[in-house]
N, C-alpha and C. Protein backbone atom coordinates (compact mmCIF):
# COMPACT_ATOMS: atom_id res chain seq x y z
N UNK A 1 -1.54 5.21 -6.50
CA UNK A 1 -1.29 3.87 -6.99
C UNK A 1 -1.83 3.75 -8.41
N UNK A 2 -1.05 3.19 -9.28
CA UNK A 2 -1.47 3.04 -10.65
C UNK A 2 -2.29 1.76 -10.80
N UNK A 3 -3.45 1.90 -11.45
CA UNK A 3 -4.32 0.76 -11.69
C UNK A 3 -4.15 0.31 -13.13
N UNK A 4 -4.21 -0.98 -13.32
CA UNK A 4 -4.22 -1.50 -14.68
C UNK A 4 -5.54 -1.10 -15.31
N UNK A 5 -5.64 -1.09 -16.61
CA UNK A 5 -6.86 -0.71 -17.29
C UNK A 5 -7.87 -1.86 -17.22
N UNK A 6 -8.73 -1.81 -16.21
CA UNK A 6 -9.70 -2.88 -15.98
C UNK A 6 -11.12 -2.36 -16.09
N UNK A 7 -11.56 -2.16 -17.30
CA UNK A 7 -12.94 -1.74 -17.49
C UNK A 7 -13.86 -2.96 -17.50
N UNK A 8 -13.32 -4.15 -17.64
CA UNK A 8 -14.12 -5.37 -17.69
C UNK A 8 -13.47 -6.47 -16.87
N UNK A 9 -13.08 -6.17 -15.65
CA UNK A 9 -12.36 -7.17 -14.86
C UNK A 9 -13.29 -8.09 -14.08
N UNK A 10 -14.60 -7.86 -14.16
CA UNK A 10 -15.55 -8.68 -13.42
C UNK A 10 -16.16 -9.70 -14.38
N UNK A 11 -15.72 -10.94 -14.24
CA UNK A 11 -16.22 -12.04 -15.07
C UNK A 11 -16.57 -13.22 -14.16
N UNK A 12 -17.23 -14.21 -14.70
CA UNK A 12 -17.61 -15.38 -13.89
C UNK A 12 -16.39 -16.05 -13.27
N UNK A 13 -15.29 -16.10 -14.00
CA UNK A 13 -14.10 -16.76 -13.48
C UNK A 13 -13.44 -15.99 -12.34
N UNK A 14 -13.83 -14.73 -12.16
CA UNK A 14 -13.25 -13.91 -11.09
C UNK A 14 -14.03 -14.01 -9.77
N UNK A 15 -15.08 -14.82 -9.73
CA UNK A 15 -15.85 -14.98 -8.50
C UNK A 15 -15.33 -16.22 -7.77
N UNK A 16 -14.77 -15.98 -6.59
CA UNK A 16 -14.15 -17.03 -5.78
C UNK A 16 -15.22 -17.90 -5.10
N UNK A 17 -14.86 -19.09 -4.66
CA UNK A 17 -15.80 -19.98 -3.97
C UNK A 17 -16.47 -19.33 -2.76
N UNK A 18 -15.77 -18.43 -2.09
CA UNK A 18 -16.28 -17.76 -0.89
C UNK A 18 -17.24 -16.63 -1.22
N UNK A 19 -17.38 -16.28 -2.48
CA UNK A 19 -18.24 -15.18 -2.88
C UNK A 19 -17.48 -13.88 -3.12
N UNK A 20 -16.17 -13.89 -2.89
CA UNK A 20 -15.37 -12.70 -3.16
C UNK A 20 -15.31 -12.47 -4.66
N UNK A 21 -15.51 -11.24 -5.06
CA UNK A 21 -15.36 -10.84 -6.44
C UNK A 21 -13.90 -10.42 -6.62
N UNK A 22 -13.06 -11.31 -7.10
CA UNK A 22 -11.63 -11.01 -7.25
C UNK A 22 -11.39 -9.86 -8.22
N UNK A 23 -12.36 -9.56 -9.07
CA UNK A 23 -12.23 -8.46 -10.02
C UNK A 23 -12.20 -7.10 -9.36
N UNK A 24 -12.62 -7.00 -8.10
CA UNK A 24 -12.62 -5.71 -7.39
C UNK A 24 -11.55 -5.67 -6.30
N UNK A 25 -10.74 -6.71 -6.22
CA UNK A 25 -9.69 -6.80 -5.20
C UNK A 25 -8.48 -5.96 -5.62
N UNK A 26 -7.88 -5.29 -4.67
CA UNK A 26 -6.70 -4.47 -4.93
C UNK A 26 -5.58 -5.29 -5.58
N UNK A 27 -5.39 -6.52 -5.13
CA UNK A 27 -4.33 -7.37 -5.69
C UNK A 27 -4.54 -7.62 -7.18
N UNK A 28 -5.78 -7.66 -7.62
CA UNK A 28 -6.07 -7.87 -9.03
C UNK A 28 -5.96 -6.56 -9.83
N UNK A 29 -6.43 -5.48 -9.24
CA UNK A 29 -6.49 -4.21 -9.96
C UNK A 29 -5.15 -3.48 -10.06
N UNK A 30 -4.26 -3.73 -9.13
CA UNK A 30 -2.98 -3.01 -9.16
C UNK A 30 -2.11 -3.49 -10.32
N UNK A 31 -1.19 -2.62 -10.72
CA UNK A 31 -0.31 -2.94 -11.83
C UNK A 31 0.86 -3.83 -11.37
N UNK A 32 1.47 -3.47 -10.24
CA UNK A 32 2.62 -4.22 -9.74
C UNK A 32 2.15 -5.43 -8.94
N UNK A 33 2.78 -6.58 -9.11
CA UNK A 33 2.41 -7.82 -8.41
C UNK A 33 0.95 -8.17 -8.61
N UNK A 34 0.48 -8.03 -9.82
CA UNK A 34 -0.90 -8.29 -10.20
C UNK A 34 -1.30 -9.74 -9.90
N UNK A 35 -2.48 -9.92 -9.32
CA UNK A 35 -3.04 -11.25 -9.04
C UNK A 35 -4.07 -11.58 -10.11
N UNK A 36 -4.02 -12.80 -10.62
CA UNK A 36 -4.96 -13.22 -11.67
C UNK A 36 -6.28 -13.76 -11.12
N UNK A 37 -6.45 -13.75 -9.81
CA UNK A 37 -7.71 -14.20 -9.21
C UNK A 37 -7.61 -15.59 -8.63
N UNK A 38 -8.45 -15.84 -7.67
CA UNK A 38 -8.47 -17.07 -6.90
C UNK A 38 -8.62 -18.32 -7.78
N UNK A 39 -9.46 -18.23 -8.79
CA UNK A 39 -9.74 -19.41 -9.63
C UNK A 39 -8.71 -19.65 -10.72
N UNK A 40 -7.80 -18.72 -10.89
CA UNK A 40 -6.79 -18.84 -11.94
C UNK A 40 -5.78 -19.94 -11.61
N UNK A 41 -5.31 -20.60 -12.63
CA UNK A 41 -4.26 -21.59 -12.45
C UNK A 41 -2.88 -20.94 -12.38
N UNK A 42 -2.84 -19.64 -12.69
CA UNK A 42 -1.61 -18.88 -12.65
C UNK A 42 -1.04 -18.83 -11.24
N UNK A 43 0.24 -18.66 -11.15
CA UNK A 43 0.90 -18.52 -9.84
C UNK A 43 1.00 -17.04 -9.44
N UNK A 44 0.36 -16.16 -10.22
CA UNK A 44 0.35 -14.73 -9.90
C UNK A 44 -0.72 -14.45 -8.84
N UNK A 45 -0.48 -14.98 -7.64
CA UNK A 45 -1.39 -14.78 -6.52
C UNK A 45 -0.57 -14.54 -5.26
N UNK A 46 -1.10 -13.74 -4.35
CA UNK A 46 -0.41 -13.59 -3.06
C UNK A 46 -0.41 -14.93 -2.31
N UNK A 47 0.59 -15.15 -1.48
CA UNK A 47 0.66 -16.42 -0.73
C UNK A 47 -0.60 -16.71 0.08
N UNK A 48 -1.24 -15.68 0.64
CA UNK A 48 -2.44 -15.92 1.44
C UNK A 48 -3.58 -16.47 0.58
N UNK A 49 -3.62 -16.14 -0.70
CA UNK A 49 -4.64 -16.70 -1.60
C UNK A 49 -4.34 -18.17 -1.90
N UNK A 50 -3.08 -18.48 -2.10
CA UNK A 50 -2.68 -19.87 -2.35
C UNK A 50 -3.01 -20.77 -1.16
N UNK A 51 -2.83 -20.22 0.06
CA UNK A 51 -3.06 -20.99 1.29
C UNK A 51 -4.50 -20.90 1.81
N UNK A 52 -5.35 -20.19 1.14
CA UNK A 52 -6.70 -19.91 1.63
C UNK A 52 -7.43 -21.18 2.09
N UNK A 53 -7.90 -21.14 3.32
CA UNK A 53 -8.61 -22.28 3.91
C UNK A 53 -9.89 -22.58 3.13
N UNK A 54 -10.58 -21.53 2.71
CA UNK A 54 -11.84 -21.72 1.99
C UNK A 54 -11.59 -22.28 0.59
N UNK A 55 -10.66 -21.69 -0.13
CA UNK A 55 -10.35 -22.15 -1.49
C UNK A 55 -9.88 -23.61 -1.48
N UNK A 56 -9.16 -24.01 -0.43
CA UNK A 56 -8.63 -25.37 -0.33
C UNK A 56 -9.50 -26.29 0.52
N UNK A 57 -10.73 -25.90 0.77
CA UNK A 57 -11.64 -26.65 1.63
C UNK A 57 -11.96 -28.04 1.05
N UNK A 58 -11.77 -29.04 1.88
CA UNK A 58 -12.03 -30.43 1.49
C UNK A 58 -13.51 -30.64 1.13
N UNK A 59 -14.40 -30.08 1.94
CA UNK A 59 -15.83 -30.24 1.69
C UNK A 59 -16.25 -29.61 0.36
N UNK A 60 -15.67 -28.45 0.06
CA UNK A 60 -15.98 -27.78 -1.20
C UNK A 60 -15.53 -28.64 -2.37
N UNK A 61 -14.33 -29.16 -2.29
CA UNK A 61 -13.81 -30.00 -3.37
C UNK A 61 -14.64 -31.26 -3.53
N UNK A 62 -15.04 -31.87 -2.41
CA UNK A 62 -15.82 -33.10 -2.46
C UNK A 62 -17.24 -32.86 -2.98
N UNK A 63 -17.76 -31.66 -2.74
CA UNK A 63 -19.12 -31.34 -3.18
C UNK A 63 -19.20 -31.19 -4.69
N UNK A 64 -18.07 -30.84 -5.31
CA UNK A 64 -18.06 -30.63 -6.76
C UNK A 64 -18.63 -29.28 -7.15
N UNK A 65 -18.99 -28.47 -6.17
CA UNK A 65 -19.55 -27.15 -6.44
C UNK A 65 -18.43 -26.13 -6.57
N UNK A 66 -18.72 -25.05 -7.26
CA UNK A 66 -17.76 -23.96 -7.38
C UNK A 66 -17.88 -22.98 -6.22
N UNK A 67 -19.01 -23.04 -5.50
CA UNK A 67 -19.30 -22.02 -4.48
C UNK A 67 -19.71 -22.64 -3.15
N UNK A 68 -19.40 -21.93 -2.10
CA UNK A 68 -19.64 -22.40 -0.73
C UNK A 68 -21.11 -22.58 -0.38
N UNK A 69 -22.02 -21.92 -1.07
CA UNK A 69 -23.43 -22.04 -0.69
C UNK A 69 -23.94 -23.47 -0.82
N UNK A 70 -23.27 -24.31 -1.59
CA UNK A 70 -23.70 -25.69 -1.78
C UNK A 70 -23.24 -26.62 -0.65
N UNK A 71 -22.41 -26.11 0.24
CA UNK A 71 -21.86 -26.92 1.33
C UNK A 71 -22.88 -27.08 2.46
N UNK A 72 -22.87 -28.24 3.09
CA UNK A 72 -23.76 -28.50 4.23
C UNK A 72 -23.43 -27.61 5.42
N UNK A 73 -22.19 -27.13 5.51
CA UNK A 73 -21.77 -26.29 6.64
C UNK A 73 -21.89 -24.79 6.34
N UNK A 74 -22.51 -24.44 5.21
CA UNK A 74 -22.63 -23.03 4.82
C UNK A 74 -23.54 -22.28 5.77
N UNK A 75 -23.13 -21.13 6.24
CA UNK A 75 -21.80 -20.55 6.17
C UNK A 75 -20.94 -21.06 7.32
N UNK A 76 -19.78 -21.57 7.00
CA UNK A 76 -18.86 -22.11 8.01
C UNK A 76 -18.24 -20.98 8.83
N UNK A 77 -17.55 -21.36 9.88
CA UNK A 77 -16.94 -20.38 10.78
C UNK A 77 -15.96 -19.46 10.03
N UNK A 78 -15.12 -20.03 9.20
CA UNK A 78 -14.12 -19.24 8.47
C UNK A 78 -14.79 -18.23 7.54
N UNK A 79 -15.84 -18.67 6.84
CA UNK A 79 -16.56 -17.76 5.93
C UNK A 79 -17.26 -16.66 6.72
N UNK A 80 -17.84 -17.00 7.85
CA UNK A 80 -18.50 -15.97 8.69
C UNK A 80 -17.49 -14.94 9.18
N UNK A 81 -16.28 -15.39 9.56
CA UNK A 81 -15.23 -14.46 10.01
C UNK A 81 -14.82 -13.53 8.87
N UNK A 82 -14.59 -14.08 7.70
CA UNK A 82 -14.19 -13.30 6.54
C UNK A 82 -15.30 -12.32 6.15
N UNK A 83 -16.53 -12.78 6.16
CA UNK A 83 -17.67 -11.95 5.82
C UNK A 83 -17.81 -10.78 6.81
N UNK A 84 -17.63 -11.06 8.09
CA UNK A 84 -17.74 -10.01 9.10
C UNK A 84 -16.69 -8.92 8.85
N UNK A 85 -15.45 -9.34 8.56
CA UNK A 85 -14.38 -8.37 8.30
C UNK A 85 -14.69 -7.52 7.07
N UNK A 86 -15.11 -8.14 5.99
CA UNK A 86 -15.40 -7.40 4.77
C UNK A 86 -16.66 -6.55 4.90
N UNK A 87 -17.67 -7.05 5.59
CA UNK A 87 -18.90 -6.26 5.80
C UNK A 87 -18.61 -5.01 6.62
N UNK A 88 -17.83 -5.18 7.68
CA UNK A 88 -17.51 -4.07 8.58
C UNK A 88 -16.56 -3.08 7.94
N UNK A 89 -15.50 -3.58 7.35
CA UNK A 89 -14.42 -2.72 6.86
C UNK A 89 -14.68 -2.16 5.45
N UNK A 90 -15.34 -2.96 4.59
CA UNK A 90 -15.46 -2.57 3.19
C UNK A 90 -16.90 -2.47 2.67
N UNK A 91 -17.87 -2.83 3.50
CA UNK A 91 -19.27 -2.72 3.08
C UNK A 91 -19.68 -3.73 2.03
N UNK A 92 -19.05 -4.90 2.02
CA UNK A 92 -19.36 -5.94 1.05
C UNK A 92 -19.46 -7.27 1.77
N UNK A 93 -20.55 -7.98 1.55
CA UNK A 93 -20.77 -9.27 2.20
C UNK A 93 -20.62 -10.42 1.23
N UNK A 94 -19.69 -11.31 1.54
CA UNK A 94 -19.49 -12.48 0.71
C UNK A 94 -20.66 -13.46 0.85
N UNK A 95 -21.23 -13.54 2.04
CA UNK A 95 -22.39 -14.41 2.25
C UNK A 95 -23.57 -13.90 1.42
N UNK A 96 -23.81 -12.59 1.43
CA UNK A 96 -24.86 -12.02 0.58
C UNK A 96 -24.58 -12.28 -0.90
N UNK A 97 -23.30 -12.16 -1.29
CA UNK A 97 -22.92 -12.46 -2.68
C UNK A 97 -23.29 -13.89 -3.03
N UNK A 98 -22.94 -14.83 -2.15
CA UNK A 98 -23.23 -16.24 -2.41
C UNK A 98 -24.72 -16.52 -2.47
N UNK A 99 -25.49 -15.90 -1.60
CA UNK A 99 -26.95 -16.08 -1.62
C UNK A 99 -27.55 -15.52 -2.90
N UNK A 100 -26.99 -14.41 -3.38
CA UNK A 100 -27.44 -13.82 -4.65
C UNK A 100 -27.11 -14.76 -5.81
N UNK A 101 -25.91 -15.32 -5.80
CA UNK A 101 -25.52 -16.27 -6.85
C UNK A 101 -26.44 -17.48 -6.83
N UNK A 102 -26.71 -17.99 -5.64
CA UNK A 102 -27.60 -19.17 -5.52
C UNK A 102 -29.00 -18.84 -6.02
N UNK A 103 -29.50 -17.67 -5.68
CA UNK A 103 -30.87 -17.27 -6.02
C UNK A 103 -31.01 -16.86 -7.49
N UNK A 104 -30.06 -16.05 -7.99
CA UNK A 104 -30.21 -15.44 -9.31
C UNK A 104 -29.32 -16.03 -10.39
N UNK A 105 -28.29 -16.77 -9.97
CA UNK A 105 -27.36 -17.34 -10.94
C UNK A 105 -26.12 -16.47 -11.09
N UNK A 106 -25.05 -17.08 -11.54
CA UNK A 106 -23.76 -16.40 -11.63
C UNK A 106 -23.77 -15.31 -12.71
N UNK A 107 -24.43 -15.53 -13.82
CA UNK A 107 -24.45 -14.51 -14.89
C UNK A 107 -25.12 -13.23 -14.41
N UNK A 108 -26.24 -13.36 -13.74
CA UNK A 108 -26.94 -12.20 -13.22
C UNK A 108 -26.10 -11.48 -12.16
N UNK A 109 -25.46 -12.26 -11.29
CA UNK A 109 -24.61 -11.68 -10.26
C UNK A 109 -23.47 -10.88 -10.87
N UNK A 110 -22.79 -11.44 -11.85
CA UNK A 110 -21.66 -10.76 -12.50
C UNK A 110 -22.13 -9.46 -13.16
N UNK A 111 -23.28 -9.49 -13.78
CA UNK A 111 -23.83 -8.29 -14.40
C UNK A 111 -24.10 -7.21 -13.34
N UNK A 112 -24.69 -7.60 -12.22
CA UNK A 112 -24.95 -6.67 -11.12
C UNK A 112 -23.65 -6.10 -10.55
N UNK A 113 -22.67 -6.95 -10.39
CA UNK A 113 -21.38 -6.52 -9.83
C UNK A 113 -20.67 -5.54 -10.76
N UNK A 114 -20.72 -5.80 -12.06
CA UNK A 114 -20.08 -4.91 -13.02
C UNK A 114 -20.66 -3.50 -12.91
N UNK A 115 -21.96 -3.42 -12.70
CA UNK A 115 -22.61 -2.12 -12.55
C UNK A 115 -22.29 -1.51 -11.18
N UNK A 116 -22.38 -2.31 -10.15
CA UNK A 116 -22.16 -1.83 -8.78
C UNK A 116 -20.76 -1.25 -8.58
N UNK A 117 -19.76 -1.87 -9.19
CA UNK A 117 -18.37 -1.50 -8.96
C UNK A 117 -17.77 -0.69 -10.10
N UNK A 118 -18.59 -0.05 -10.92
CA UNK A 118 -18.11 0.80 -12.01
C UNK A 118 -18.02 2.24 -11.51
N UNK A 119 -16.88 2.87 -11.76
CA UNK A 119 -16.70 4.28 -11.40
C UNK A 119 -17.66 5.13 -12.21
N UNK A 120 -18.39 5.99 -11.52
CA UNK A 120 -19.36 6.88 -12.16
C UNK A 120 -18.68 7.86 -13.12
N UNK A 121 -17.44 8.22 -12.83
CA UNK A 121 -16.77 9.25 -13.63
C UNK A 121 -16.01 8.66 -14.83
N UNK A 122 -15.14 7.67 -14.59
CA UNK A 122 -14.27 7.20 -15.67
C UNK A 122 -14.63 5.80 -16.20
N UNK A 123 -15.51 5.08 -15.51
CA UNK A 123 -15.92 3.76 -15.98
C UNK A 123 -15.02 2.62 -15.57
N UNK A 124 -13.93 2.90 -14.88
CA UNK A 124 -13.03 1.84 -14.42
C UNK A 124 -13.66 1.05 -13.28
N UNK A 125 -13.11 -0.09 -13.01
CA UNK A 125 -13.59 -0.90 -11.90
C UNK A 125 -13.10 -0.30 -10.59
N UNK A 126 -14.02 -0.12 -9.66
CA UNK A 126 -13.72 0.40 -8.33
C UNK A 126 -13.16 -0.73 -7.46
N UNK A 127 -12.18 -0.43 -6.67
CA UNK A 127 -11.56 -1.40 -5.77
C UNK A 127 -12.34 -1.46 -4.45
N UNK A 128 -12.66 -2.66 -4.01
CA UNK A 128 -13.38 -2.82 -2.74
C UNK A 128 -12.53 -2.34 -1.56
N UNK A 129 -11.22 -2.41 -1.68
CA UNK A 129 -10.31 -2.08 -0.58
C UNK A 129 -9.95 -0.61 -0.46
N UNK A 130 -10.44 0.23 -1.37
CA UNK A 130 -10.10 1.65 -1.35
C UNK A 130 -11.37 2.49 -1.41
N UNK A 131 -11.35 3.67 -0.79
CA UNK A 131 -12.55 4.51 -0.76
C UNK A 131 -12.79 5.31 -2.05
N UNK A 132 -11.82 5.26 -2.98
CA UNK A 132 -11.98 6.02 -4.21
C UNK A 132 -11.45 5.22 -5.40
N UNK A 133 -11.84 5.66 -6.59
CA UNK A 133 -11.38 5.03 -7.83
C UNK A 133 -9.86 5.15 -7.91
N UNK A 134 -9.19 4.06 -8.24
CA UNK A 134 -7.74 4.06 -8.35
C UNK A 134 -7.26 4.83 -9.59
N UNK A 135 -8.13 5.02 -10.56
CA UNK A 135 -7.76 5.69 -11.80
C UNK A 135 -7.95 7.20 -11.70
N UNK A 136 -9.15 7.64 -11.29
CA UNK A 136 -9.45 9.08 -11.33
C UNK A 136 -9.65 9.71 -9.96
N UNK A 137 -9.70 8.89 -8.89
CA UNK A 137 -9.83 9.43 -7.54
C UNK A 137 -11.23 9.76 -7.09
N UNK A 138 -12.22 9.47 -7.92
CA UNK A 138 -13.61 9.74 -7.54
C UNK A 138 -14.02 8.84 -6.38
N UNK A 139 -14.59 9.41 -5.32
CA UNK A 139 -15.02 8.56 -4.20
C UNK A 139 -16.09 7.56 -4.63
N UNK A 140 -16.01 6.35 -4.10
CA UNK A 140 -17.05 5.39 -4.44
C UNK A 140 -18.32 5.75 -3.70
N UNK A 141 -19.45 5.49 -4.32
CA UNK A 141 -20.74 5.90 -3.77
C UNK A 141 -21.27 4.95 -2.72
N UNK A 142 -20.85 3.71 -2.75
CA UNK A 142 -21.33 2.71 -1.78
C UNK A 142 -20.20 2.26 -0.89
N UNK A 143 -20.56 1.73 0.25
CA UNK A 143 -19.57 1.15 1.15
C UNK A 143 -20.20 0.26 2.16
């Protein structure tokens, strides 16, 4: 699979309300049918992102917060389900991401993520959904 040249795809705007780093998502990193990320106003998103229960959460919108950790129901059932799937399948916890953002701030989190998801060999952004770098094939060190 051909990856777009994303050496800097992890930015504050790429962090979704649920704690997902859209900069490491296959939909964002791929060249064909590229997704601009959950927070983007662009329509270049898969239908499941447009319909996302968390992104469209009434409580989140009413809270005025950008992230789920500010919600009284945090972590809600839907977020726990999503977190369990990603923790088990991909070794990444959205709840841990949100707690890190709450504790350390979004700038610090983005800096940590950029380092965590950088390919050791070519410097490209590693995809959370694949076991190896999409550019050079180097296996990712964490999971």
